[in-house]
N, C-alpha and C. Protein backbone atom coordinates (compact mmCIF):
# COMPACT_ATOMS: atom_id res chain seq x y z
N MET A 1 -23.77 -7.56 -7.06
CA MET A 1 -23.14 -7.58 -8.33
C MET A 1 -22.33 -6.29 -8.51
N LYS A 2 -21.09 -6.38 -8.97
CA LYS A 2 -20.24 -5.29 -9.00
C LYS A 2 -20.06 -4.69 -10.42
N LEU A 3 -19.95 -3.40 -10.47
CA LEU A 3 -19.58 -2.77 -11.76
C LEU A 3 -18.09 -2.67 -11.85
N LEU A 4 -17.52 -3.02 -12.94
CA LEU A 4 -16.09 -2.85 -13.08
C LEU A 4 -15.85 -1.51 -13.60
N GLY A 5 -15.81 -0.52 -12.62
CA GLY A 5 -15.78 0.85 -13.01
C GLY A 5 -14.58 1.24 -13.83
N ALA A 6 -13.40 0.78 -13.44
CA ALA A 6 -12.23 1.11 -14.25
C ALA A 6 -12.29 0.68 -15.67
N VAL A 7 -12.81 -0.51 -15.89
CA VAL A 7 -12.88 -1.05 -17.26
C VAL A 7 -13.91 -0.28 -18.03
N LEU A 8 -15.09 0.01 -17.42
CA LEU A 8 -16.11 0.61 -18.12
C LEU A 8 -15.83 2.07 -18.50
N LEU A 9 -15.12 2.76 -17.57
CA LEU A 9 -14.75 4.09 -17.84
C LEU A 9 -13.72 4.14 -19.01
N ALA A 10 -12.75 3.23 -19.03
CA ALA A 10 -11.74 3.19 -20.03
C ALA A 10 -12.33 2.93 -21.37
N THR A 11 -13.33 2.05 -21.45
CA THR A 11 -13.84 1.69 -22.81
C THR A 11 -15.11 2.37 -23.18
N GLY A 12 -15.74 3.03 -22.26
CA GLY A 12 -17.02 3.65 -22.56
C GLY A 12 -18.17 2.70 -22.76
N LEU A 13 -17.97 1.45 -22.27
CA LEU A 13 -19.04 0.41 -22.39
C LEU A 13 -19.88 0.47 -21.15
N LEU A 14 -21.10 0.01 -21.29
CA LEU A 14 -22.00 -0.20 -20.14
C LEU A 14 -22.24 -1.66 -19.96
N GLY A 15 -22.23 -2.15 -18.73
CA GLY A 15 -22.42 -3.55 -18.47
C GLY A 15 -22.04 -3.95 -17.09
N THR A 16 -22.26 -5.13 -16.70
CA THR A 16 -21.81 -5.66 -15.43
C THR A 16 -20.90 -6.84 -15.65
N ALA A 17 -20.11 -7.08 -14.57
CA ALA A 17 -19.14 -8.26 -14.68
C ALA A 17 -19.65 -9.30 -13.68
N ALA A 18 -20.38 -10.27 -14.17
CA ALA A 18 -20.86 -11.28 -13.31
C ALA A 18 -20.91 -12.57 -14.13
N GLN A 19 -21.17 -13.66 -13.38
CA GLN A 19 -21.22 -14.99 -14.01
C GLN A 19 -22.32 -14.99 -15.09
N GLY A 20 -21.95 -15.44 -16.30
CA GLY A 20 -22.87 -15.58 -17.34
C GLY A 20 -23.03 -14.30 -18.18
N GLU A 21 -22.41 -13.18 -17.82
CA GLU A 21 -22.47 -11.94 -18.52
C GLU A 21 -21.16 -11.62 -19.19
N HIS A 22 -21.11 -10.74 -20.15
CA HIS A 22 -19.85 -10.59 -20.90
C HIS A 22 -19.81 -9.12 -21.31
N LEU A 23 -18.51 -8.71 -21.71
CA LEU A 23 -18.24 -7.40 -22.32
C LEU A 23 -17.59 -7.67 -23.67
N LEU A 24 -18.04 -6.99 -24.65
CA LEU A 24 -17.41 -7.03 -26.02
C LEU A 24 -16.47 -5.83 -26.18
N TRP A 25 -15.22 -6.07 -26.60
CA TRP A 25 -14.24 -5.01 -26.69
C TRP A 25 -14.10 -4.53 -28.13
N PRO A 26 -14.12 -3.17 -28.33
CA PRO A 26 -14.07 -2.62 -29.67
C PRO A 26 -12.85 -3.03 -30.51
N ASP A 27 -11.65 -3.20 -29.80
CA ASP A 27 -10.49 -3.56 -30.54
C ASP A 27 -10.50 -5.05 -30.95
N GLU A 28 -11.30 -5.88 -30.31
CA GLU A 28 -11.33 -7.31 -30.69
C GLU A 28 -12.81 -7.69 -30.72
N PRO A 29 -13.54 -7.18 -31.69
CA PRO A 29 -15.04 -7.45 -31.72
C PRO A 29 -15.46 -8.90 -31.73
N SER A 30 -14.59 -9.77 -32.18
CA SER A 30 -14.96 -11.13 -32.25
C SER A 30 -14.78 -11.92 -30.97
N ARG A 31 -14.17 -11.26 -29.96
CA ARG A 31 -13.83 -12.00 -28.69
C ARG A 31 -14.80 -11.59 -27.61
N THR A 32 -15.12 -12.48 -26.78
CA THR A 32 -15.98 -12.26 -25.61
C THR A 32 -15.21 -12.44 -24.37
N CYS A 33 -15.30 -11.52 -23.47
CA CYS A 33 -14.53 -11.60 -22.19
C CYS A 33 -15.48 -11.89 -21.04
N PHE A 34 -15.35 -13.01 -20.35
CA PHE A 34 -16.18 -13.42 -19.31
C PHE A 34 -15.54 -13.07 -17.95
N PHE A 35 -16.31 -12.52 -17.06
CA PHE A 35 -15.92 -12.21 -15.73
C PHE A 35 -16.82 -13.03 -14.76
N GLN A 36 -16.24 -14.01 -14.13
CA GLN A 36 -17.01 -14.89 -13.34
C GLN A 36 -16.81 -14.68 -11.81
N MET A 37 -17.87 -14.48 -11.10
CA MET A 37 -17.79 -14.26 -9.67
C MET A 37 -17.58 -15.56 -8.93
N LEU A 38 -16.97 -15.49 -7.82
CA LEU A 38 -16.75 -16.76 -6.98
C LEU A 38 -18.12 -17.19 -6.41
N ASP A 39 -18.16 -18.48 -6.06
CA ASP A 39 -19.34 -18.99 -5.41
C ASP A 39 -18.96 -19.91 -4.26
N GLY A 40 -19.96 -20.47 -3.56
CA GLY A 40 -19.69 -21.41 -2.48
C GLY A 40 -18.87 -20.87 -1.36
N MET A 41 -17.95 -21.72 -0.89
CA MET A 41 -17.10 -21.31 0.26
C MET A 41 -16.12 -20.21 -0.17
N ASP A 42 -15.70 -20.17 -1.41
CA ASP A 42 -14.82 -19.09 -1.84
C ASP A 42 -15.44 -17.76 -1.78
N LYS A 43 -16.76 -17.70 -2.11
CA LYS A 43 -17.52 -16.46 -2.00
C LYS A 43 -17.70 -16.06 -0.58
N ASP A 44 -17.92 -17.05 0.34
CA ASP A 44 -18.17 -16.71 1.72
C ASP A 44 -16.97 -16.06 2.37
N PHE A 45 -15.84 -16.21 1.82
CA PHE A 45 -14.59 -15.53 2.43
C PHE A 45 -14.72 -14.02 2.24
N CYS A 46 -15.46 -13.60 1.23
CA CYS A 46 -15.45 -12.15 0.89
C CYS A 46 -16.44 -11.42 1.80
N ARG A 47 -15.92 -10.60 2.69
CA ARG A 47 -16.82 -9.87 3.61
C ARG A 47 -16.28 -8.45 3.82
N GLY A 48 -17.20 -7.51 3.81
CA GLY A 48 -16.84 -6.14 4.18
C GLY A 48 -16.59 -5.19 3.03
N ASP A 49 -16.90 -5.56 1.78
CA ASP A 49 -16.77 -4.66 0.63
C ASP A 49 -15.38 -4.13 0.43
N LEU A 50 -14.37 -5.00 0.57
CA LEU A 50 -13.02 -4.60 0.27
C LEU A 50 -12.76 -4.65 -1.20
N GLU A 51 -12.30 -3.57 -1.76
CA GLU A 51 -12.05 -3.48 -3.22
C GLU A 51 -10.60 -3.64 -3.52
N VAL A 52 -10.31 -4.41 -4.61
CA VAL A 52 -8.94 -4.75 -5.10
C VAL A 52 -8.86 -4.36 -6.51
N ILE A 53 -8.23 -3.26 -6.86
CA ILE A 53 -8.37 -2.61 -8.21
C ILE A 53 -7.07 -2.72 -8.90
N TYR A 54 -7.05 -3.43 -10.05
CA TYR A 54 -5.86 -3.49 -10.96
C TYR A 54 -6.15 -2.67 -12.20
N PRO A 55 -5.11 -2.32 -12.92
CA PRO A 55 -5.36 -1.61 -14.18
C PRO A 55 -6.18 -2.41 -15.17
N GLU A 56 -6.89 -1.71 -15.99
CA GLU A 56 -7.75 -2.32 -17.04
C GLU A 56 -8.83 -3.22 -16.64
N VAL A 57 -8.58 -4.17 -15.76
CA VAL A 57 -9.63 -5.13 -15.36
C VAL A 57 -10.48 -4.61 -14.25
N GLY A 58 -10.01 -3.64 -13.46
CA GLY A 58 -10.85 -3.09 -12.42
C GLY A 58 -10.81 -3.85 -11.15
N ASP A 59 -11.93 -3.87 -10.45
CA ASP A 59 -12.00 -4.51 -9.09
C ASP A 59 -12.17 -6.03 -9.32
N VAL A 60 -11.18 -6.77 -8.82
CA VAL A 60 -11.15 -8.23 -8.95
C VAL A 60 -11.63 -8.93 -7.61
N SER A 61 -12.16 -8.13 -6.73
CA SER A 61 -12.62 -8.68 -5.45
C SER A 61 -13.64 -9.75 -5.69
N CYS A 62 -13.44 -10.94 -5.12
CA CYS A 62 -14.38 -12.05 -5.14
C CYS A 62 -14.73 -12.53 -6.52
N MET A 63 -13.68 -12.57 -7.36
CA MET A 63 -13.92 -13.06 -8.70
C MET A 63 -12.69 -13.81 -9.26
N TYR A 64 -12.90 -14.61 -10.40
CA TYR A 64 -11.79 -15.20 -11.12
C TYR A 64 -11.20 -14.10 -12.01
N VAL A 65 -9.86 -14.08 -12.11
CA VAL A 65 -9.26 -13.27 -13.08
C VAL A 65 -9.36 -13.93 -14.46
N PRO A 66 -9.96 -13.27 -15.41
CA PRO A 66 -10.22 -13.92 -16.71
C PRO A 66 -8.90 -14.02 -17.53
N LYS A 67 -8.81 -15.02 -18.39
CA LYS A 67 -7.64 -15.21 -19.26
C LYS A 67 -7.52 -14.23 -20.38
N CYS A 68 -8.76 -13.78 -20.82
CA CYS A 68 -8.78 -12.92 -22.02
C CYS A 68 -7.99 -11.64 -21.84
N HIS A 69 -7.54 -11.09 -22.98
CA HIS A 69 -6.78 -9.82 -22.99
C HIS A 69 -5.54 -9.94 -22.15
N GLN A 70 -5.05 -11.18 -21.94
CA GLN A 70 -3.84 -11.47 -21.20
C GLN A 70 -3.85 -10.93 -19.76
N TYR A 71 -5.05 -10.87 -19.18
CA TYR A 71 -5.12 -10.36 -17.82
C TYR A 71 -4.34 -11.20 -16.84
N ARG A 72 -4.39 -12.53 -16.98
CA ARG A 72 -3.60 -13.37 -16.03
C ARG A 72 -2.08 -13.21 -16.18
N ARG A 73 -1.70 -13.00 -17.43
CA ARG A 73 -0.26 -12.72 -17.69
C ARG A 73 0.10 -11.37 -17.09
N ARG A 74 -0.76 -10.38 -17.26
CA ARG A 74 -0.44 -9.08 -16.85
C ARG A 74 -0.36 -9.00 -15.26
N ILE A 75 -1.26 -9.70 -14.61
CA ILE A 75 -1.26 -9.61 -13.20
C ILE A 75 -0.06 -10.32 -12.58
N SER A 76 0.53 -11.26 -13.39
CA SER A 76 1.71 -11.98 -12.90
C SER A 76 3.01 -11.37 -13.40
N ARG A 77 2.97 -10.62 -14.50
CA ARG A 77 4.27 -10.18 -15.10
C ARG A 77 4.43 -8.69 -15.17
N GLU A 78 3.32 -7.90 -15.22
CA GLU A 78 3.42 -6.54 -15.44
C GLU A 78 2.91 -5.60 -14.42
N TRP A 79 1.70 -5.81 -13.91
CA TRP A 79 1.05 -4.84 -13.02
C TRP A 79 1.67 -4.85 -11.61
N GLY A 80 1.81 -3.68 -11.04
CA GLY A 80 2.29 -3.54 -9.66
C GLY A 80 1.15 -3.81 -8.63
N SER A 81 1.36 -3.32 -7.46
CA SER A 81 0.42 -3.53 -6.39
C SER A 81 -0.94 -2.86 -6.77
N PRO A 82 -2.07 -3.49 -6.38
CA PRO A 82 -3.39 -2.94 -6.67
C PRO A 82 -3.70 -1.82 -5.73
N ARG A 83 -4.63 -1.00 -6.12
CA ARG A 83 -5.34 -0.08 -5.18
C ARG A 83 -6.27 -0.92 -4.26
N VAL A 84 -6.16 -0.74 -2.99
CA VAL A 84 -7.04 -1.43 -2.12
C VAL A 84 -7.89 -0.39 -1.38
N ARG A 85 -9.17 -0.45 -1.56
CA ARG A 85 -10.09 0.53 -1.10
C ARG A 85 -11.08 -0.11 -0.11
N TYR A 86 -11.23 0.59 1.02
CA TYR A 86 -12.24 0.19 2.07
C TYR A 86 -12.98 1.42 2.55
N PRO A 87 -14.11 1.65 1.90
CA PRO A 87 -14.83 2.94 2.20
C PRO A 87 -15.31 3.04 3.64
N GLN A 88 -15.40 1.93 4.38
CA GLN A 88 -15.89 1.99 5.75
C GLN A 88 -14.76 2.28 6.74
N ALA A 89 -13.54 2.41 6.30
CA ALA A 89 -12.41 2.66 7.20
C ALA A 89 -12.60 3.94 8.01
N GLU A 90 -12.27 3.93 9.29
CA GLU A 90 -12.36 5.10 10.12
C GLU A 90 -11.09 5.96 10.05
N LYS A 91 -11.27 7.21 9.85
CA LYS A 91 -10.16 8.10 9.58
C LYS A 91 -9.15 8.19 10.69
N GLY A 92 -9.64 8.03 11.91
CA GLY A 92 -8.76 8.18 13.06
C GLY A 92 -8.04 6.84 13.48
N LYS A 93 -8.23 5.82 12.69
CA LYS A 93 -7.59 4.53 13.02
C LYS A 93 -6.60 4.10 11.98
N LYS A 94 -5.72 3.13 12.42
CA LYS A 94 -4.79 2.56 11.46
C LYS A 94 -5.09 1.08 11.28
N TYR A 95 -4.67 0.55 10.12
CA TYR A 95 -4.99 -0.77 9.71
C TYR A 95 -3.74 -1.58 9.26
N VAL A 96 -3.90 -2.89 9.25
CA VAL A 96 -2.87 -3.76 8.76
C VAL A 96 -3.49 -4.57 7.53
N LEU A 97 -2.75 -4.59 6.43
CA LEU A 97 -3.20 -5.31 5.25
C LEU A 97 -2.30 -6.45 5.01
N VAL A 98 -2.87 -7.66 4.81
CA VAL A 98 -2.15 -8.88 4.51
C VAL A 98 -2.66 -9.48 3.18
N LEU A 99 -1.70 -9.88 2.31
CA LEU A 99 -2.05 -10.58 1.10
C LEU A 99 -1.23 -11.88 1.10
N VAL A 100 -1.94 -13.02 1.06
CA VAL A 100 -1.35 -14.35 1.15
C VAL A 100 -1.91 -15.23 0.12
N ASP A 101 -1.10 -16.24 -0.29
CA ASP A 101 -1.56 -17.39 -1.08
C ASP A 101 -1.61 -18.64 -0.17
N PRO A 102 -2.79 -19.18 0.15
CA PRO A 102 -2.88 -20.34 0.96
C PRO A 102 -2.70 -21.59 0.13
N ASP A 103 -2.46 -21.52 -1.13
CA ASP A 103 -2.49 -22.65 -2.07
C ASP A 103 -1.13 -22.93 -2.61
N ALA A 104 -0.06 -22.66 -1.85
CA ALA A 104 1.30 -22.85 -2.40
C ALA A 104 1.80 -24.25 -1.91
N PRO A 105 2.29 -25.06 -2.88
CA PRO A 105 2.36 -24.79 -4.33
C PRO A 105 1.10 -25.10 -5.04
N SER A 106 0.09 -25.78 -4.43
CA SER A 106 -1.17 -25.94 -5.12
C SER A 106 -2.28 -26.10 -4.03
N ARG A 107 -3.50 -25.95 -4.41
CA ARG A 107 -4.59 -26.08 -3.45
C ARG A 107 -4.72 -27.53 -3.00
N ALA A 108 -4.34 -28.49 -3.85
CA ALA A 108 -4.44 -29.86 -3.44
C ALA A 108 -3.33 -30.27 -2.49
N ASN A 109 -2.19 -29.54 -2.53
CA ASN A 109 -0.98 -29.84 -1.64
C ASN A 109 -0.36 -28.54 -1.20
N PRO A 110 -1.03 -27.84 -0.26
CA PRO A 110 -0.64 -26.52 0.20
C PRO A 110 0.50 -26.61 1.31
N ARG A 111 1.54 -27.28 0.99
CA ARG A 111 2.53 -27.49 2.08
C ARG A 111 3.32 -26.21 2.44
N ASN A 112 3.31 -25.22 1.53
CA ASN A 112 4.02 -23.96 1.80
C ASN A 112 3.00 -22.80 2.22
N ARG A 113 1.84 -23.12 2.56
CA ARG A 113 0.94 -22.10 3.00
C ARG A 113 1.36 -21.48 4.28
N PHE A 114 1.27 -20.24 4.57
CA PHE A 114 0.74 -19.17 3.72
C PHE A 114 1.91 -18.50 3.03
N TRP A 115 1.86 -18.31 1.76
CA TRP A 115 2.85 -17.54 1.06
C TRP A 115 2.55 -16.10 1.10
N ARG A 116 3.45 -15.34 1.71
CA ARG A 116 3.25 -13.90 1.98
C ARG A 116 3.56 -13.10 0.79
N HIS A 117 2.55 -12.42 0.27
CA HIS A 117 2.70 -11.57 -0.97
C HIS A 117 2.77 -10.05 -0.70
N TRP A 118 2.30 -9.68 0.44
CA TRP A 118 2.25 -8.23 0.75
C TRP A 118 1.89 -8.13 2.23
N LEU A 119 2.60 -7.20 2.92
CA LEU A 119 2.28 -6.90 4.31
C LEU A 119 2.59 -5.51 4.64
N VAL A 120 1.52 -4.73 4.94
CA VAL A 120 1.68 -3.33 5.23
C VAL A 120 0.91 -3.02 6.54
N THR A 121 1.62 -2.26 7.42
CA THR A 121 1.02 -1.87 8.71
C THR A 121 0.93 -0.35 8.72
N ASP A 122 0.26 0.21 9.82
CA ASP A 122 0.14 1.60 10.00
C ASP A 122 -0.48 2.31 8.83
N ILE A 123 -1.51 1.70 8.24
CA ILE A 123 -2.20 2.35 7.10
C ILE A 123 -3.27 3.23 7.67
N PRO A 124 -3.23 4.56 7.38
CA PRO A 124 -4.24 5.49 7.88
C PRO A 124 -5.62 5.11 7.24
N GLY A 125 -6.71 5.18 8.09
CA GLY A 125 -7.98 4.92 7.58
C GLY A 125 -8.39 5.86 6.40
N ALA A 126 -7.89 7.08 6.42
CA ALA A 126 -8.23 8.05 5.36
C ALA A 126 -7.65 7.50 4.04
N ASP A 127 -6.53 6.85 4.01
CA ASP A 127 -5.91 6.34 2.76
C ASP A 127 -6.75 5.16 2.27
N LEU A 128 -7.25 4.32 3.12
CA LEU A 128 -8.07 3.22 2.74
C LEU A 128 -9.37 3.66 2.08
N ARG A 129 -9.84 4.79 2.49
CA ARG A 129 -11.11 5.27 1.86
C ARG A 129 -10.88 5.65 0.42
N THR A 130 -9.72 6.02 0.06
CA THR A 130 -9.46 6.44 -1.33
C THR A 130 -8.74 5.33 -2.13
N GLY A 131 -8.19 4.34 -1.40
CA GLY A 131 -7.43 3.27 -2.10
C GLY A 131 -5.96 3.59 -2.33
N ASP A 132 -5.50 4.71 -1.77
CA ASP A 132 -4.07 5.11 -1.91
C ASP A 132 -3.29 4.65 -0.64
N ILE A 133 -2.88 3.41 -0.74
CA ILE A 133 -2.26 2.83 0.42
C ILE A 133 -0.92 3.36 0.75
N LYS A 134 -0.82 3.97 1.94
CA LYS A 134 0.51 4.40 2.48
C LYS A 134 0.64 3.81 3.91
N GLY A 135 1.75 3.35 4.21
CA GLY A 135 2.00 2.73 5.54
C GLY A 135 3.43 2.24 5.68
N HIS A 136 3.65 1.36 6.63
CA HIS A 136 4.91 0.73 6.86
C HIS A 136 4.93 -0.59 6.20
N VAL A 137 5.72 -0.73 5.18
CA VAL A 137 5.72 -1.98 4.32
C VAL A 137 6.74 -2.92 4.97
N LEU A 138 6.18 -4.06 5.48
CA LEU A 138 7.02 -5.07 6.02
C LEU A 138 7.42 -6.14 4.96
N THR A 139 6.56 -6.35 4.03
CA THR A 139 6.85 -7.22 2.84
C THR A 139 6.41 -6.42 1.58
N ASP A 140 7.35 -6.23 0.70
CA ASP A 140 7.03 -5.62 -0.57
C ASP A 140 6.06 -6.42 -1.37
N TYR A 141 5.27 -5.81 -2.15
CA TYR A 141 4.25 -6.50 -2.99
C TYR A 141 4.96 -7.47 -3.89
N VAL A 142 4.46 -8.70 -3.94
CA VAL A 142 5.00 -9.76 -4.81
C VAL A 142 3.81 -10.21 -5.70
N ARG A 143 3.99 -10.09 -7.01
CA ARG A 143 2.94 -10.38 -7.92
C ARG A 143 2.51 -11.83 -7.75
N PRO A 144 1.16 -12.12 -8.01
CA PRO A 144 0.66 -13.48 -7.99
C PRO A 144 1.32 -14.26 -9.17
N THR A 145 1.97 -15.34 -8.92
CA THR A 145 2.63 -16.15 -9.91
C THR A 145 2.37 -17.60 -9.67
N PRO A 146 1.20 -18.11 -9.89
CA PRO A 146 0.91 -19.54 -9.74
C PRO A 146 1.83 -20.41 -10.60
N PRO A 147 2.38 -21.46 -10.11
CA PRO A 147 3.21 -22.37 -10.96
C PRO A 147 2.35 -22.98 -12.05
N PRO A 148 3.01 -23.37 -13.18
CA PRO A 148 2.27 -24.07 -14.24
C PRO A 148 1.60 -25.31 -13.72
N ARG A 149 0.41 -25.58 -14.23
CA ARG A 149 -0.32 -26.86 -13.90
C ARG A 149 -0.61 -27.08 -12.45
N SER A 150 -0.71 -26.02 -11.74
CA SER A 150 -1.03 -26.05 -10.28
C SER A 150 -2.51 -25.68 -9.96
N GLY A 151 -3.27 -25.42 -11.03
CA GLY A 151 -4.66 -25.05 -10.83
C GLY A 151 -4.78 -23.65 -10.33
N TYR A 152 -6.04 -23.37 -9.91
CA TYR A 152 -6.32 -22.03 -9.38
C TYR A 152 -5.72 -21.81 -7.99
N HIS A 153 -5.23 -20.63 -7.76
CA HIS A 153 -4.70 -20.25 -6.50
C HIS A 153 -5.62 -19.11 -5.91
N ARG A 154 -5.87 -19.15 -4.61
CA ARG A 154 -6.62 -18.05 -3.97
C ARG A 154 -5.64 -17.04 -3.51
N TYR A 155 -5.83 -15.79 -3.81
CA TYR A 155 -5.04 -14.71 -3.32
C TYR A 155 -5.89 -13.89 -2.33
N GLN A 156 -5.61 -14.07 -1.07
CA GLN A 156 -6.52 -13.57 -0.02
C GLN A 156 -5.99 -12.30 0.60
N LEU A 157 -6.82 -11.30 0.73
CA LEU A 157 -6.49 -10.08 1.32
C LEU A 157 -7.29 -9.99 2.61
N ARG A 158 -6.61 -9.72 3.70
CA ARG A 158 -7.32 -9.54 5.00
C ARG A 158 -6.85 -8.19 5.54
N LEU A 159 -7.87 -7.45 6.00
CA LEU A 159 -7.63 -6.13 6.57
C LEU A 159 -7.95 -6.12 8.04
N TYR A 160 -7.00 -5.79 8.89
CA TYR A 160 -7.20 -5.75 10.31
C TYR A 160 -7.05 -4.39 10.86
N GLU A 161 -7.87 -4.14 11.91
CA GLU A 161 -7.70 -2.86 12.63
C GLU A 161 -6.42 -3.03 13.51
N GLN A 162 -5.56 -2.07 13.40
CA GLN A 162 -4.29 -2.14 14.21
C GLN A 162 -4.53 -1.57 15.58
N PRO A 163 -4.20 -2.34 16.66
CA PRO A 163 -4.40 -1.83 18.02
C PRO A 163 -3.48 -0.54 18.21
N ALA A 164 -4.09 0.39 18.87
CA ALA A 164 -3.43 1.70 19.13
C ALA A 164 -2.09 1.43 19.85
N HIS A 165 -1.09 2.25 19.45
CA HIS A 165 0.23 2.30 20.11
C HIS A 165 0.90 0.93 20.01
N THR A 166 0.66 0.17 18.94
CA THR A 166 1.30 -1.11 18.82
C THR A 166 2.22 -1.09 17.61
N ALA A 167 3.50 -1.43 17.85
CA ALA A 167 4.52 -1.48 16.77
C ALA A 167 4.56 -2.89 16.27
N ILE A 168 4.22 -3.15 15.05
CA ILE A 168 4.16 -4.47 14.45
C ILE A 168 5.40 -4.73 13.57
N THR A 169 6.00 -5.88 13.74
CA THR A 169 7.21 -6.26 12.97
C THR A 169 7.23 -7.68 12.72
N LEU A 170 8.16 -8.17 11.94
CA LEU A 170 8.35 -9.55 11.65
C LEU A 170 9.61 -10.09 12.43
N ARG A 171 9.51 -11.33 12.86
CA ARG A 171 10.64 -11.95 13.49
C ARG A 171 11.81 -12.14 12.48
N PRO A 172 13.10 -12.18 12.92
CA PRO A 172 14.22 -12.43 12.00
C PRO A 172 13.99 -13.60 11.02
N GLU A 173 13.48 -14.71 11.52
CA GLU A 173 13.28 -15.85 10.65
C GLU A 173 12.18 -15.60 9.60
N GLU A 174 11.26 -14.71 9.93
CA GLU A 174 10.21 -14.42 8.92
C GLU A 174 10.67 -13.56 7.78
N TRP A 175 11.74 -12.86 8.00
CA TRP A 175 12.30 -12.05 6.95
C TRP A 175 12.97 -12.84 5.82
N VAL A 176 13.43 -14.03 6.27
CA VAL A 176 14.25 -14.89 5.41
C VAL A 176 13.42 -15.52 4.27
N SER A 177 12.17 -15.92 4.57
CA SER A 177 11.37 -16.61 3.61
C SER A 177 9.99 -16.06 3.57
N LEU A 178 9.35 -16.06 2.38
CA LEU A 178 7.98 -15.64 2.28
C LEU A 178 7.02 -16.83 2.44
N GLY A 179 7.54 -18.05 2.14
CA GLY A 179 6.69 -19.20 2.15
C GLY A 179 6.55 -19.85 3.60
N SER A 180 5.52 -20.65 3.78
CA SER A 180 5.28 -21.34 5.02
C SER A 180 5.17 -20.36 6.17
N TRP A 181 4.51 -19.17 5.94
CA TRP A 181 4.41 -18.15 6.96
C TRP A 181 3.34 -18.51 7.98
N ALA A 182 3.65 -18.44 9.27
CA ALA A 182 2.72 -18.73 10.29
C ALA A 182 1.77 -17.54 10.53
N MET A 183 0.88 -17.29 9.62
CA MET A 183 0.08 -16.08 9.63
C MET A 183 -0.84 -15.98 10.94
N GLU A 184 -1.38 -17.21 11.32
CA GLU A 184 -2.24 -17.18 12.51
C GLU A 184 -1.47 -16.77 13.75
N SER A 185 -0.23 -17.18 13.87
CA SER A 185 0.65 -16.84 15.00
C SER A 185 0.95 -15.38 14.98
N PHE A 186 1.15 -14.76 13.78
CA PHE A 186 1.41 -13.38 13.66
C PHE A 186 0.21 -12.59 14.10
N VAL A 187 -0.99 -12.98 13.74
CA VAL A 187 -2.24 -12.35 14.13
C VAL A 187 -2.43 -12.38 15.62
N LYS A 188 -2.16 -13.53 16.20
CA LYS A 188 -2.34 -13.74 17.61
C LYS A 188 -1.33 -12.93 18.42
N GLN A 189 -0.06 -12.92 17.93
CA GLN A 189 0.99 -12.16 18.61
C GLN A 189 0.68 -10.75 18.79
N PHE A 190 0.12 -10.10 17.80
CA PHE A 190 -0.13 -8.67 17.82
C PHE A 190 -1.62 -8.33 18.13
N GLN A 191 -2.34 -9.36 18.49
CA GLN A 191 -3.70 -9.16 18.93
C GLN A 191 -4.56 -8.42 17.93
N LEU A 192 -4.47 -8.92 16.72
CA LEU A 192 -5.21 -8.23 15.57
C LEU A 192 -6.67 -8.67 15.50
N GLY A 193 -6.96 -9.84 16.12
CA GLY A 193 -8.36 -10.29 16.15
C GLY A 193 -8.78 -10.79 14.75
N SER A 194 -10.09 -10.67 14.55
CA SER A 194 -10.62 -11.00 13.20
C SER A 194 -10.59 -9.84 12.26
N PRO A 195 -10.41 -10.20 10.95
CA PRO A 195 -10.35 -9.11 9.96
C PRO A 195 -11.70 -8.25 9.95
N VAL A 196 -11.52 -6.91 9.77
CA VAL A 196 -12.69 -6.12 9.64
C VAL A 196 -13.27 -6.26 8.19
N ALA A 197 -12.43 -6.74 7.29
CA ALA A 197 -12.89 -7.02 5.95
C ALA A 197 -11.95 -8.03 5.32
N SER A 198 -12.40 -8.80 4.39
CA SER A 198 -11.56 -9.80 3.72
C SER A 198 -12.15 -10.10 2.32
N THR A 199 -11.26 -10.36 1.40
CA THR A 199 -11.68 -10.74 0.07
C THR A 199 -10.59 -11.57 -0.52
N GLN A 200 -10.90 -12.13 -1.76
CA GLN A 200 -9.91 -12.94 -2.47
C GLN A 200 -10.26 -12.89 -3.94
N PHE A 201 -9.29 -13.15 -4.77
CA PHE A 201 -9.49 -13.39 -6.17
C PHE A 201 -8.70 -14.67 -6.55
N LEU A 202 -9.15 -15.34 -7.55
CA LEU A 202 -8.55 -16.59 -7.97
C LEU A 202 -7.95 -16.44 -9.43
N THR A 203 -6.71 -16.96 -9.57
CA THR A 203 -6.14 -16.99 -10.87
C THR A 203 -5.16 -18.16 -11.00
N LYS A 204 -4.74 -18.50 -12.14
CA LYS A 204 -3.85 -19.56 -12.35
C LYS A 204 -2.83 -19.20 -13.42
N HIS A 205 -1.86 -20.08 -13.65
CA HIS A 205 -0.82 -19.76 -14.57
C HIS A 205 -1.37 -19.36 -15.95
N TYR A 206 -0.85 -18.27 -16.50
CA TYR A 206 -1.47 -17.68 -17.72
C TYR A 206 -1.38 -18.56 -18.89
N GLU A 207 -0.56 -19.59 -18.93
CA GLU A 207 -0.45 -20.49 -20.11
C GLU A 207 -1.29 -21.73 -19.92
N ASP A 208 -1.90 -21.91 -18.73
CA ASP A 208 -2.70 -23.13 -18.47
C ASP A 208 -4.10 -22.95 -19.16
C-alpha cells in the first residue's frame, strides 16, 4: 500500500491511498476523494516499484486516476511529464523509458496499439533514483487523452536497461505517427530484453 507523499505533504493530512479508503480535503469538506488501486491482471503488470509522480495527486503507479478535484482533466489538459523514480537504478548504467497506451482507440478495439506517449533513451541511473529524468528524448511527452466514451485506458510505463554502447533511434516511418507503434519490434531490434520495472495507471475521459 502506497502513501501519496506529494498529496499528504501539500495538505498536511495523514492517510493512505488504497481501495476503500479516502482523504477529506479542507477546501471541500463535503467531498470524499477515493484512490483505488488496480487489481487482477492490471495489478500484475506493476513490477519493480517504479514511481510515476504527478502534481497534487502524487504517485499514480498501479492505480486509477480519480475524477475528483479534476485530476483526470488536469492529467489530460494541464500537467506536463511526470517525475519517474526508480530507486533501484544503478548509477553506472543507462536506461530506456517507454510510455504507451495499448488501448487506442479503446480497450475493446485496440486497433491503434501501441500509441507512443513518451520515449526517452540514455537516462542515467542516478537521475532515475531522484526522478529527475534527463536523457535523449525520441518522443516528446504526450498527455494521456482518452477519447470520450472509450472507457478506461491503460497508460503503461516500461523501463529497460540500455545495452552499453548502443545508440537507439526510431526508423523514419516511426517518426511520422505515434499510433500503431510496433513496440515489440523496437525492443527486439535494440536487444532491450524484459523491462527491469514496469507499471501503469488507468484513466478515462474526464467528462465520462
